[in-house]
Amino acid sequence: MNTRTPIPTFILKTYQMLEEQKHANIVSWTAQGTAFIVYNQQQMEKEVLQNFFKHSNYSSFVRQLNLYNFKKVRSKEGQIFKHKCFRKGMKSMLQFIKRRNQEDIVTSTLQEEPTISIKEEQNLFKECAIDIKETNNKLKEDMKLLQETSSYLIDQMQNLNHFVYNQSVDIEVKFKQVGQMLHAINEELRQENKSETQTNKFIGEYKQVKEDEFQESKIGSPNPYVDYNSTALNPLDYECFIDSFL
């Protein structure tokens, strides 16, 4: 069994450039992953090539692709380059891409190594399946955590609603109690005012009765100016009393 041949540096860097997808708006794999497309040649020179190669000349890059038997296809989107062994996710196939002067070696190698390629691709698919399974499990864990967090927040919101409701009920009861107390105080003040009015009225009536009795006592006495019920005379009454004898 032959050992694996090294991957040409140019081919490996081109593959890495596409796999990183940092400049997918400039250069990227096609939808099928069987070729790659350059959308903008000027941006390819200014922003991409110098990050992977020792130059930033787009024409030199295309010449290198031609030396490795890449076929160029024009499209409305840009320039498409394809090679039967240059495909997305199939890095192990890159070892079979050789320069034009090595085509005979490539042909014999491809005939001798098909089982190795298939086995490697199977291993790659298994690794991808494992990654997908692990990602799926992680998503399930995250979903469970989100559900638990959501349930906790809903419980907290319900507790808050109950607390606010109870507080509003307590405040309403206290307002009613305060209203009842104010009503009782007003009623008590009204009763006191009413009692005071009645007392003042009674005193006034009492004074009027006494005054009337006094006036009647003067009319019925021998001398209207003398109060016989009194033990003392004021000066005016005394003068009237003297005049009655003159």
Protein backbone atom coordinates (compact mmCIF):
# COMPACT_ATOMS: atom_id res chain seq x y z
CA MET A 1 0.00 0.00 0.00
CA ASN A 2 1.40 3.40 -0.98
CA THR A 3 1.78 6.12 1.66
CA ARG A 4 -0.21 9.33 1.36
CA THR A 5 1.40 11.99 -0.83
CA PRO A 6 1.76 15.53 0.55
CA ILE A 7 -0.79 18.19 -0.38
CA PRO A 8 0.62 21.05 -2.48
CA THR A 9 0.95 24.22 -0.42
CA PHE A 10 -0.99 26.33 -2.91
CA ILE A 11 -3.91 23.90 -2.94
CA LEU A 12 -3.94 23.60 0.85
CA LYS A 13 -3.97 27.38 1.37
CA THR A 14 -6.72 27.82 -1.20
CA TYR A 15 -8.81 25.21 0.60
CA GLN A 16 -8.16 26.87 3.98
CA MET A 17 -9.14 30.23 2.51
CA LEU A 18 -12.55 28.84 1.58
CA GLU A 19 -13.08 26.86 4.78
CA GLU A 20 -12.52 29.89 7.04
CA GLN A 21 -15.36 31.77 5.33
CA LYS A 22 -14.09 35.12 6.62
CA HIS A 23 -14.59 36.68 3.20
CA ALA A 24 -17.62 34.74 1.97
CA ASN A 25 -18.92 37.86 0.25
CA ILE A 26 -15.75 37.94 -1.90
CA VAL A 27 -14.92 34.25 -2.43
CA SER A 28 -16.77 31.12 -1.29
CA TRP A 29 -17.81 27.59 -2.12
CA THR A 30 -20.68 27.16 -4.52
CA ALA A 31 -23.97 25.89 -3.17
CA GLN A 32 -23.14 22.29 -4.16
CA GLY A 33 -19.62 22.52 -2.74
CA THR A 34 -18.10 21.13 -5.95
CA ALA A 35 -16.36 24.39 -6.92
CA PHE A 36 -15.63 27.89 -5.60
CA ILE A 37 -16.58 31.28 -6.96
CA VAL A 38 -14.82 34.66 -6.89
CA TYR A 39 -17.40 37.46 -6.72
CA ASN A 40 -15.07 40.46 -6.80
CA GLN A 41 -11.54 40.30 -8.25
CA GLN A 42 -10.46 43.72 -6.91
CA GLN A 43 -11.48 42.92 -3.34
CA MET A 44 -9.86 39.50 -3.74
CA GLU A 45 -6.52 41.22 -4.38
CA LYS A 46 -6.87 43.85 -1.64
CA GLU A 47 -8.41 41.87 1.21
CA VAL A 48 -7.94 38.12 0.74
CA LEU A 49 -4.90 36.89 -1.19
CA GLN A 50 -2.28 38.60 0.95
CA ASN A 51 -3.63 36.76 4.02
CA PHE A 52 -2.83 33.35 2.53
CA PHE A 53 -0.16 33.83 -0.12
CA LYS A 54 3.08 35.76 -0.52
CA HIS A 55 1.48 37.97 -3.16
CA SER A 56 -1.83 39.66 -3.78
CA ASN A 57 -1.90 39.35 -7.56
CA TYR A 58 -5.15 37.86 -8.76
CA SER A 59 -3.74 36.94 -12.20
CA SER A 60 -0.94 34.93 -10.56
CA PHE A 61 -3.53 33.17 -8.43
CA VAL A 62 -5.50 32.20 -11.54
CA ARG A 63 -2.34 30.96 -13.31
CA GLN A 64 -1.60 28.72 -10.34
CA LEU A 65 -5.09 27.29 -10.56
CA ASN A 66 -4.56 26.59 -14.26
CA LEU A 67 -1.30 24.75 -13.47
CA TYR A 68 -3.28 22.43 -11.19
CA ASN A 69 -5.89 21.78 -13.90
CA PHE A 70 -8.70 23.88 -12.43
CA LYS A 71 -11.34 24.73 -14.99
CA LYS A 72 -12.68 28.27 -15.06
CA VAL A 73 -16.35 28.92 -15.76
CA ARG A 74 -17.84 32.37 -16.13
CA SER A 75 -21.20 33.21 -14.59
CA LYS A 76 -23.27 36.29 -13.81
CA GLU A 77 -22.11 36.15 -10.20
CA GLY A 78 -18.36 35.90 -10.91
CA GLN A 79 -15.65 33.44 -11.93
CA ILE A 80 -16.12 29.79 -10.94
CA PHE A 81 -13.16 27.40 -10.56
CA LYS A 82 -13.61 23.65 -10.25
CA HIS A 83 -11.52 20.49 -9.97
CA LYS A 84 -12.79 16.94 -9.54
CA CYS A 85 -10.72 16.49 -6.36
CA PHE A 86 -11.32 19.96 -4.89
CA ARG A 87 -14.58 19.78 -2.95
CA LYS A 88 -16.02 21.21 0.21
CA GLY A 89 -15.47 19.04 3.29
CA MET A 90 -13.23 16.57 1.43
CA LYS A 91 -9.78 17.66 2.47
CA SER A 92 -8.38 14.15 2.02
CA MET A 93 -8.97 14.44 -1.74
CA LEU A 94 -6.53 17.36 -2.02
CA GLN A 95 -3.55 14.99 -2.11
CA PHE A 96 -4.62 13.86 -5.57
CA ILE A 97 -4.40 17.34 -7.08
CA LYS A 98 -1.09 17.63 -8.92
CA ARG A 99 0.53 19.94 -11.43
CA ARG A 100 0.13 19.25 -15.12
CA ASN A 101 3.50 17.55 -15.53
CA GLN A 102 2.44 14.98 -12.93
CA GLU A 103 -0.86 13.92 -14.52
CA ASP A 104 0.33 10.38 -15.13
CA ILE A 105 1.27 10.01 -11.47
CA VAL A 106 -2.11 11.35 -10.43
CA THR A 107 -3.91 8.87 -12.65
CA SER A 108 -2.09 5.86 -11.23
CA THR A 109 -2.47 7.10 -7.69
CA LEU A 110 -6.19 7.58 -8.10
CA GLN A 111 -6.48 4.01 -9.33
CA GLU A 112 -4.52 2.62 -6.37
CA GLU A 113 -6.00 4.65 -3.52
CA PRO A 114 -9.80 4.65 -3.90
CA THR A 115 -10.39 2.46 -0.85
CA ILE A 116 -8.27 4.75 1.33
CA SER A 117 -10.23 7.81 0.20
CA ILE A 118 -13.58 6.15 0.83
CA LYS A 119 -12.50 5.04 4.30
CA GLU A 120 -11.30 8.49 5.19
CA GLU A 121 -14.50 10.03 3.94
CA GLN A 122 -16.48 7.56 6.04
CA ASN A 123 -14.49 8.56 9.11
CA LEU A 124 -15.11 12.19 8.29
CA PHE A 125 -18.83 11.58 8.02
CA LYS A 126 -18.76 9.77 11.37
CA GLU A 127 -17.01 12.71 13.00
CA CYS A 128 -19.59 15.06 11.51
CA ALA A 129 -22.39 12.85 12.82
CA ILE A 130 -20.83 12.89 16.30
CA ASP A 131 -20.52 16.68 16.19
CA ILE A 132 -24.15 16.99 15.12
CA LYS A 133 -25.27 14.69 17.94
CA GLU A 134 -23.27 16.61 20.54
CA THR A 135 -24.64 19.90 19.23
CA ASN A 136 -28.16 18.51 19.39
CA ASN A 137 -27.66 17.39 23.00
CA LYS A 138 -26.29 20.81 23.89
CA LEU A 139 -29.30 22.47 22.30
CA LYS A 140 -31.62 20.21 24.30
CA GLU A 141 -29.82 21.17 27.52
CA ASP A 142 -30.07 24.85 26.64
CA MET A 143 -33.76 24.45 25.84
CA LYS A 144 -34.38 22.73 29.17
CA LEU A 145 -32.56 25.51 31.00
CA LEU A 146 -34.62 28.11 29.15
CA GLN A 147 -37.84 26.31 30.09
CA GLU A 148 -36.81 26.16 33.76
CA THR A 149 -35.86 29.83 33.71
CA SER A 150 -39.16 30.70 32.05
CA SER A 151 -41.14 28.74 34.67
CA TYR A 152 -39.24 30.47 37.48
CA LEU A 153 -39.93 33.91 35.99
CA ILE A 154 -43.63 33.07 35.58
CA ASP A 155 -43.83 31.98 39.26
CA GLN A 156 -42.09 35.17 40.36
CA MET A 157 -44.49 37.24 38.28
CA GLN A 158 -47.50 35.48 39.80
CA ASN A 159 -46.13 36.02 43.31
CA LEU A 160 -45.60 39.68 42.52
CA ASN A 161 -49.14 40.00 41.23
CA HIS A 162 -50.51 38.40 44.43
CA PHE A 163 -48.41 40.72 46.57
CA VAL A 164 -49.57 43.82 44.70
CA TYR A 165 -53.19 42.66 44.92
CA ASN A 166 -52.96 42.03 48.67
CA GLN A 167 -51.32 45.40 49.21
CA SER A 168 -54.05 47.14 47.23
CA VAL A 169 -56.73 45.35 49.30
CA ASP A 170 -55.02 46.37 52.57
CA ILE A 171 -54.79 49.98 51.42
CA GLU A 172 -58.46 49.99 50.44
CA VAL A 173 -59.45 48.60 53.87
CA LYS A 174 -57.34 51.22 55.62
CA PHE A 175 -58.90 53.99 53.55
CA LYS A 176 -62.36 52.73 54.55
CA GLN A 177 -61.33 52.66 58.21
CA VAL A 178 -59.97 56.19 58.00
CA GLY A 179 -63.19 57.30 56.30
CA GLN A 180 -65.27 55.72 59.05
CA MET A 181 -63.14 57.40 61.73
CA LEU A 182 -63.52 60.80 60.05
CA HIS A 183 -67.26 60.28 59.75
CA ALA A 184 -67.47 59.38 63.47
CA ILE A 185 -65.44 62.46 64.43
CA ASN A 186 -67.62 64.71 62.28
CA GLU A 187 -70.74 63.19 63.78
CA GLU A 188 -69.38 63.70 67.29
CA LEU A 189 -68.51 67.33 66.51
CA ARG A 190 -71.98 67.86 65.05
CA GLN A 191 -73.58 66.41 68.17
CA GLU A 192 -71.42 68.64 70.37
CA ASN A 193 -72.37 71.71 68.33
CA LYS A 194 -76.01 70.73 68.52
CA SER A 195 -75.78 70.23 72.29
CA GLU A 196 -74.04 73.59 72.71
CA THR A 197 -76.75 75.27 70.65
CA GLN A 198 -79.45 73.68 72.73
CA THR A 199 -77.65 74.75 75.94
CA ASN A 200 -77.33 78.33 74.72
CA LYS A 201 -81.00 78.29 73.71
CA PHE A 202 -82.00 76.96 77.13
CA ILE A 203 -79.90 79.63 78.88
CA GLY A 204 -81.46 82.30 76.70
CA GLU A 205 -84.95 81.07 77.45
CA TYR A 206 -84.12 80.87 81.14
CA LYS A 207 -82.86 84.45 81.14
CA GLN A 208 -85.97 85.56 79.29
CA VAL A 209 -88.19 83.83 81.84
CA LYS A 210 -86.34 85.50 84.70
CA GLU A 211 -86.57 88.82 82.98
CA ASP A 212 -90.29 88.35 82.44
CA GLU A 213 -90.76 87.38 86.07
CA PHE A 214 -88.84 90.45 87.14
CA GLN A 215 -90.99 92.71 84.98
CA GLU A 216 -94.16 91.11 86.29
CA SER A 217 -92.97 91.54 89.87
CA LYS A 218 -92.52 95.25 89.27
CA ILE A 219 -95.97 95.68 87.78
CA GLY A 220 -97.72 93.96 90.62
CA SER A 221 -95.87 95.84 93.47
CA PRO A 222 -97.09 99.15 95.08
CA ASN A 223 -94.19 100.96 93.53
CA PRO A 224 -93.14 99.69 90.07
CA TYR A 225 -89.66 101.01 90.63
CA VAL A 226 -89.11 98.93 93.76
CA ASP A 227 -88.13 95.31 93.73
CA TYR A 228 -89.53 93.95 96.95
CA ASN A 229 -87.87 90.65 96.43
CA SER A 230 -84.47 92.28 96.64
CA THR A 231 -82.79 93.12 99.96
CA ALA A 232 -80.80 96.01 98.46
CA LEU A 233 -81.70 99.11 96.46
CA ASN A 234 -79.69 100.64 93.70
CA PRO A 235 -79.41 104.46 93.62
CA LEU A 236 -82.12 104.89 91.00
CA ASP A 237 -84.60 102.81 92.96
CA TYR A 238 -83.73 104.75 96.10
CA GLU A 239 -84.52 108.10 94.49
CA CYS A 240 -87.81 106.78 93.16
CA PHE A 241 -88.65 105.51 96.61
CA ILE A 242 -88.08 108.95 98.18
CA ASP A 243 -90.08 110.72 95.46
CA SER A 244 -93.06 108.48 96.21
CA PHE A 245 -93.39 110.07 99.61
CA LEU A 246 -93.05 113.68 98.54
